[in-house]
Amino acid sequence: MHSIKLRGEWCKACRICIQICPRRVYVQGKEPNAKGYKVTKVERLEDCTGCKLCELMCPDLVITVEDAEESN
């Protein structure tokens, strides 16, 4: 299992992670951050394969994907 850390305060709701994820792990949240953006949420962590496309493509470095071994 992988872990995904989101820095919601950095998110500008560009939705790149939602669009790029081949497993549809992310959804747009309903709660805005301090800047008023409705930030991305992890909805299906169990579907994450750890490909890190979301981490690589995020222009604001919001996402960090870790393998189970890395997070211990």
N, C-alpha and C. Protein backbone atom coordinates (compact mmCIF):
# COMPACT_ATOMS: atom_id res chain seq x y z
N MET A 1 0.86 -1.19 0.00
CA MET A 1 0.00 0.00 0.00
C MET A 1 0.90 1.24 0.00
N HIS A 2 0.45 2.24 -0.66
CA HIS A 2 1.19 3.50 -0.75
C HIS A 2 0.52 4.53 0.13
N SER A 3 1.26 5.56 0.47
CA SER A 3 0.65 6.69 1.18
C SER A 3 0.81 7.92 0.30
N ILE A 4 -0.19 8.77 0.36
CA ILE A 4 -0.18 10.01 -0.43
C ILE A 4 -0.35 11.17 0.54
N LYS A 5 0.57 12.10 0.47
CA LYS A 5 0.49 13.30 1.30
C LYS A 5 0.17 14.49 0.40
N LEU A 6 -0.85 15.23 0.78
CA LEU A 6 -1.25 16.42 0.02
C LEU A 6 -1.04 17.66 0.88
N ARG A 7 -0.40 18.65 0.32
CA ARG A 7 -0.24 19.94 0.99
C ARG A 7 -1.35 20.86 0.48
N GLY A 8 -2.51 20.73 1.10
CA GLY A 8 -3.69 21.44 0.65
C GLY A 8 -3.54 22.95 0.59
N GLU A 9 -2.69 23.49 1.45
CA GLU A 9 -2.50 24.93 1.47
C GLU A 9 -1.76 25.42 0.22
N TRP A 10 -1.07 24.52 -0.49
CA TRP A 10 -0.35 24.88 -1.72
C TRP A 10 -1.19 24.66 -2.97
N CYS A 11 -2.26 23.89 -2.87
CA CYS A 11 -3.05 23.49 -4.04
C CYS A 11 -3.82 24.68 -4.62
N LYS A 12 -3.77 24.79 -5.96
CA LYS A 12 -4.54 25.83 -6.63
C LYS A 12 -5.65 25.25 -7.50
N ALA A 13 -5.99 23.99 -7.24
CA ALA A 13 -7.11 23.30 -7.89
C ALA A 13 -6.99 23.28 -9.41
N CYS A 14 -5.80 23.01 -9.91
CA CYS A 14 -5.61 22.94 -11.36
C CYS A 14 -6.17 21.64 -11.95
N ARG A 15 -6.36 20.63 -11.12
CA ARG A 15 -6.96 19.35 -11.48
C ARG A 15 -6.07 18.48 -12.37
N ILE A 16 -4.81 18.82 -12.52
CA ILE A 16 -3.90 17.99 -13.32
C ILE A 16 -3.81 16.60 -12.73
N CYS A 17 -3.70 16.50 -11.42
CA CYS A 17 -3.59 15.18 -10.78
C CYS A 17 -4.84 14.33 -11.02
N ILE A 18 -5.98 14.96 -10.99
CA ILE A 18 -7.24 14.24 -11.23
C ILE A 18 -7.26 13.70 -12.66
N GLN A 19 -6.81 14.51 -13.60
CA GLN A 19 -6.84 14.13 -15.00
C GLN A 19 -5.76 13.11 -15.36
N ILE A 20 -4.59 13.20 -14.72
CA ILE A 20 -3.46 12.35 -15.11
C ILE A 20 -3.49 10.97 -14.45
N CYS A 21 -4.18 10.83 -13.33
CA CYS A 21 -4.16 9.57 -12.58
C CYS A 21 -4.88 8.47 -13.36
N PRO A 22 -4.14 7.40 -13.72
CA PRO A 22 -4.77 6.33 -14.49
C PRO A 22 -5.76 5.49 -13.68
N ARG A 23 -5.71 5.58 -12.37
CA ARG A 23 -6.58 4.78 -11.51
C ARG A 23 -7.68 5.60 -10.84
N ARG A 24 -7.78 6.87 -11.18
CA ARG A 24 -8.85 7.75 -10.65
C ARG A 24 -8.85 7.80 -9.12
N VAL A 25 -7.66 7.98 -8.55
CA VAL A 25 -7.50 8.02 -7.10
C VAL A 25 -8.03 9.33 -6.51
N TYR A 26 -7.96 10.41 -7.28
CA TYR A 26 -8.28 11.75 -6.78
C TYR A 26 -9.65 12.25 -7.22
N VAL A 27 -10.21 13.13 -6.41
CA VAL A 27 -11.42 13.88 -6.76
C VAL A 27 -11.22 15.32 -6.30
N GLN A 28 -11.99 16.22 -6.86
CA GLN A 28 -11.95 17.60 -6.39
C GLN A 28 -12.75 17.69 -5.11
N GLY A 29 -12.15 18.26 -4.09
CA GLY A 29 -12.82 18.41 -2.81
C GLY A 29 -13.84 19.53 -2.82
N LYS A 30 -14.59 19.60 -1.76
CA LYS A 30 -15.61 20.64 -1.63
C LYS A 30 -15.14 21.77 -0.69
N GLU A 31 -14.14 21.47 0.13
CA GLU A 31 -13.65 22.44 1.11
C GLU A 31 -12.54 23.31 0.50
N PRO A 32 -12.66 24.61 0.57
CA PRO A 32 -11.61 25.48 0.04
C PRO A 32 -10.45 25.61 1.03
N ASN A 33 -9.27 25.86 0.49
CA ASN A 33 -8.13 26.16 1.34
C ASN A 33 -8.15 27.66 1.69
N ALA A 34 -7.12 28.15 2.33
CA ALA A 34 -7.08 29.55 2.76
C ALA A 34 -7.15 30.53 1.59
N LYS A 35 -6.72 30.08 0.41
CA LYS A 35 -6.74 30.94 -0.78
C LYS A 35 -8.06 30.84 -1.54
N GLY A 36 -8.96 29.97 -1.09
CA GLY A 36 -10.27 29.86 -1.71
C GLY A 36 -10.39 28.78 -2.77
N TYR A 37 -9.33 28.00 -3.00
CA TYR A 37 -9.37 26.93 -3.99
C TYR A 37 -9.94 25.66 -3.38
N LYS A 38 -10.77 24.97 -4.13
CA LYS A 38 -11.30 23.68 -3.69
C LYS A 38 -10.25 22.62 -4.03
N VAL A 39 -9.53 22.20 -3.02
CA VAL A 39 -8.35 21.37 -3.21
C VAL A 39 -8.70 19.91 -3.50
N THR A 40 -7.75 19.25 -4.14
CA THR A 40 -7.88 17.84 -4.47
C THR A 40 -7.90 17.00 -3.21
N LYS A 41 -8.65 15.89 -3.28
CA LYS A 41 -8.71 14.93 -2.18
C LYS A 41 -8.39 13.54 -2.72
N VAL A 42 -7.80 12.72 -1.85
CA VAL A 42 -7.60 11.31 -2.18
C VAL A 42 -8.88 10.60 -1.81
N GLU A 43 -9.49 9.94 -2.80
CA GLU A 43 -10.74 9.24 -2.52
C GLU A 43 -10.57 7.72 -2.56
N ARG A 44 -9.65 7.23 -3.38
CA ARG A 44 -9.49 5.78 -3.52
C ARG A 44 -8.01 5.40 -3.38
N LEU A 45 -7.47 5.57 -2.19
CA LEU A 45 -6.06 5.26 -1.94
C LEU A 45 -5.74 3.81 -2.27
N GLU A 46 -6.68 2.91 -2.02
CA GLU A 46 -6.44 1.49 -2.27
C GLU A 46 -6.20 1.19 -3.75
N ASP A 47 -6.60 2.09 -4.65
CA ASP A 47 -6.38 1.90 -6.08
C ASP A 47 -5.03 2.43 -6.57
N CYS A 48 -4.31 3.14 -5.71
CA CYS A 48 -3.03 3.74 -6.09
C CYS A 48 -1.98 2.66 -6.34
N THR A 49 -1.31 2.75 -7.48
CA THR A 49 -0.25 1.80 -7.83
C THR A 49 1.13 2.37 -7.53
N GLY A 50 1.20 3.62 -7.13
CA GLY A 50 2.48 4.25 -6.83
C GLY A 50 3.24 4.69 -8.06
N CYS A 51 2.56 4.93 -9.16
CA CYS A 51 3.24 5.33 -10.40
C CYS A 51 3.86 6.73 -10.30
N LYS A 52 3.36 7.54 -9.41
CA LYS A 52 3.87 8.89 -9.12
C LYS A 52 3.67 9.90 -10.26
N LEU A 53 2.79 9.59 -11.20
CA LEU A 53 2.51 10.56 -12.26
C LEU A 53 1.97 11.86 -11.66
N CYS A 54 1.12 11.73 -10.66
CA CYS A 54 0.55 12.91 -10.03
C CYS A 54 1.63 13.78 -9.39
N GLU A 55 2.56 13.12 -8.70
CA GLU A 55 3.65 13.85 -8.04
C GLU A 55 4.54 14.54 -9.07
N LEU A 56 4.83 13.85 -10.14
CA LEU A 56 5.71 14.41 -11.18
C LEU A 56 5.06 15.57 -11.94
N MET A 57 3.74 15.50 -12.14
CA MET A 57 3.07 16.50 -12.96
C MET A 57 2.54 17.71 -12.18
N CYS A 58 2.43 17.60 -10.87
CA CYS A 58 1.89 18.71 -10.08
C CYS A 58 2.82 19.92 -10.15
N PRO A 59 2.33 21.03 -10.67
CA PRO A 59 3.18 22.22 -10.84
C PRO A 59 3.51 22.92 -9.52
N ASP A 60 2.79 22.58 -8.47
CA ASP A 60 2.98 23.28 -7.19
C ASP A 60 3.53 22.39 -6.08
N LEU A 61 4.00 21.20 -6.44
CA LEU A 61 4.63 20.27 -5.49
C LEU A 61 3.73 19.94 -4.31
N VAL A 62 2.45 19.81 -4.59
CA VAL A 62 1.45 19.53 -3.56
C VAL A 62 1.49 18.07 -3.12
N ILE A 63 1.82 17.16 -4.04
CA ILE A 63 1.65 15.73 -3.82
C ILE A 63 2.98 15.03 -3.58
N THR A 64 2.98 14.16 -2.57
CA THR A 64 4.10 13.26 -2.33
C THR A 64 3.53 11.85 -2.19
N VAL A 65 4.02 10.95 -3.04
CA VAL A 65 3.60 9.55 -3.00
C VAL A 65 4.76 8.74 -2.43
N GLU A 66 4.48 7.96 -1.40
CA GLU A 66 5.52 7.15 -0.78
C GLU A 66 5.11 5.68 -0.81
N ASP A 67 6.12 4.81 -1.02
CA ASP A 67 5.90 3.37 -0.89
C ASP A 67 5.74 3.06 0.59
N ALA A 68 5.15 1.94 0.89
CA ALA A 68 4.94 1.53 2.29
C ALA A 68 6.28 1.47 3.03
N GLU A 69 7.34 1.02 2.39
CA GLU A 69 8.65 0.93 3.02
C GLU A 69 9.23 2.31 3.34
N GLU A 70 8.99 3.30 2.47
CA GLU A 70 9.51 4.65 2.66
C GLU A 70 8.83 5.36 3.81
N SER A 71 7.55 5.09 4.04
CA SER A 71 6.78 5.82 5.04
C SER A 71 7.00 5.28 6.46
N ASN A 72 7.70 4.16 6.60
CA ASN A 72 7.98 3.60 7.94
C ASN A 72 9.28 4.13 8.49
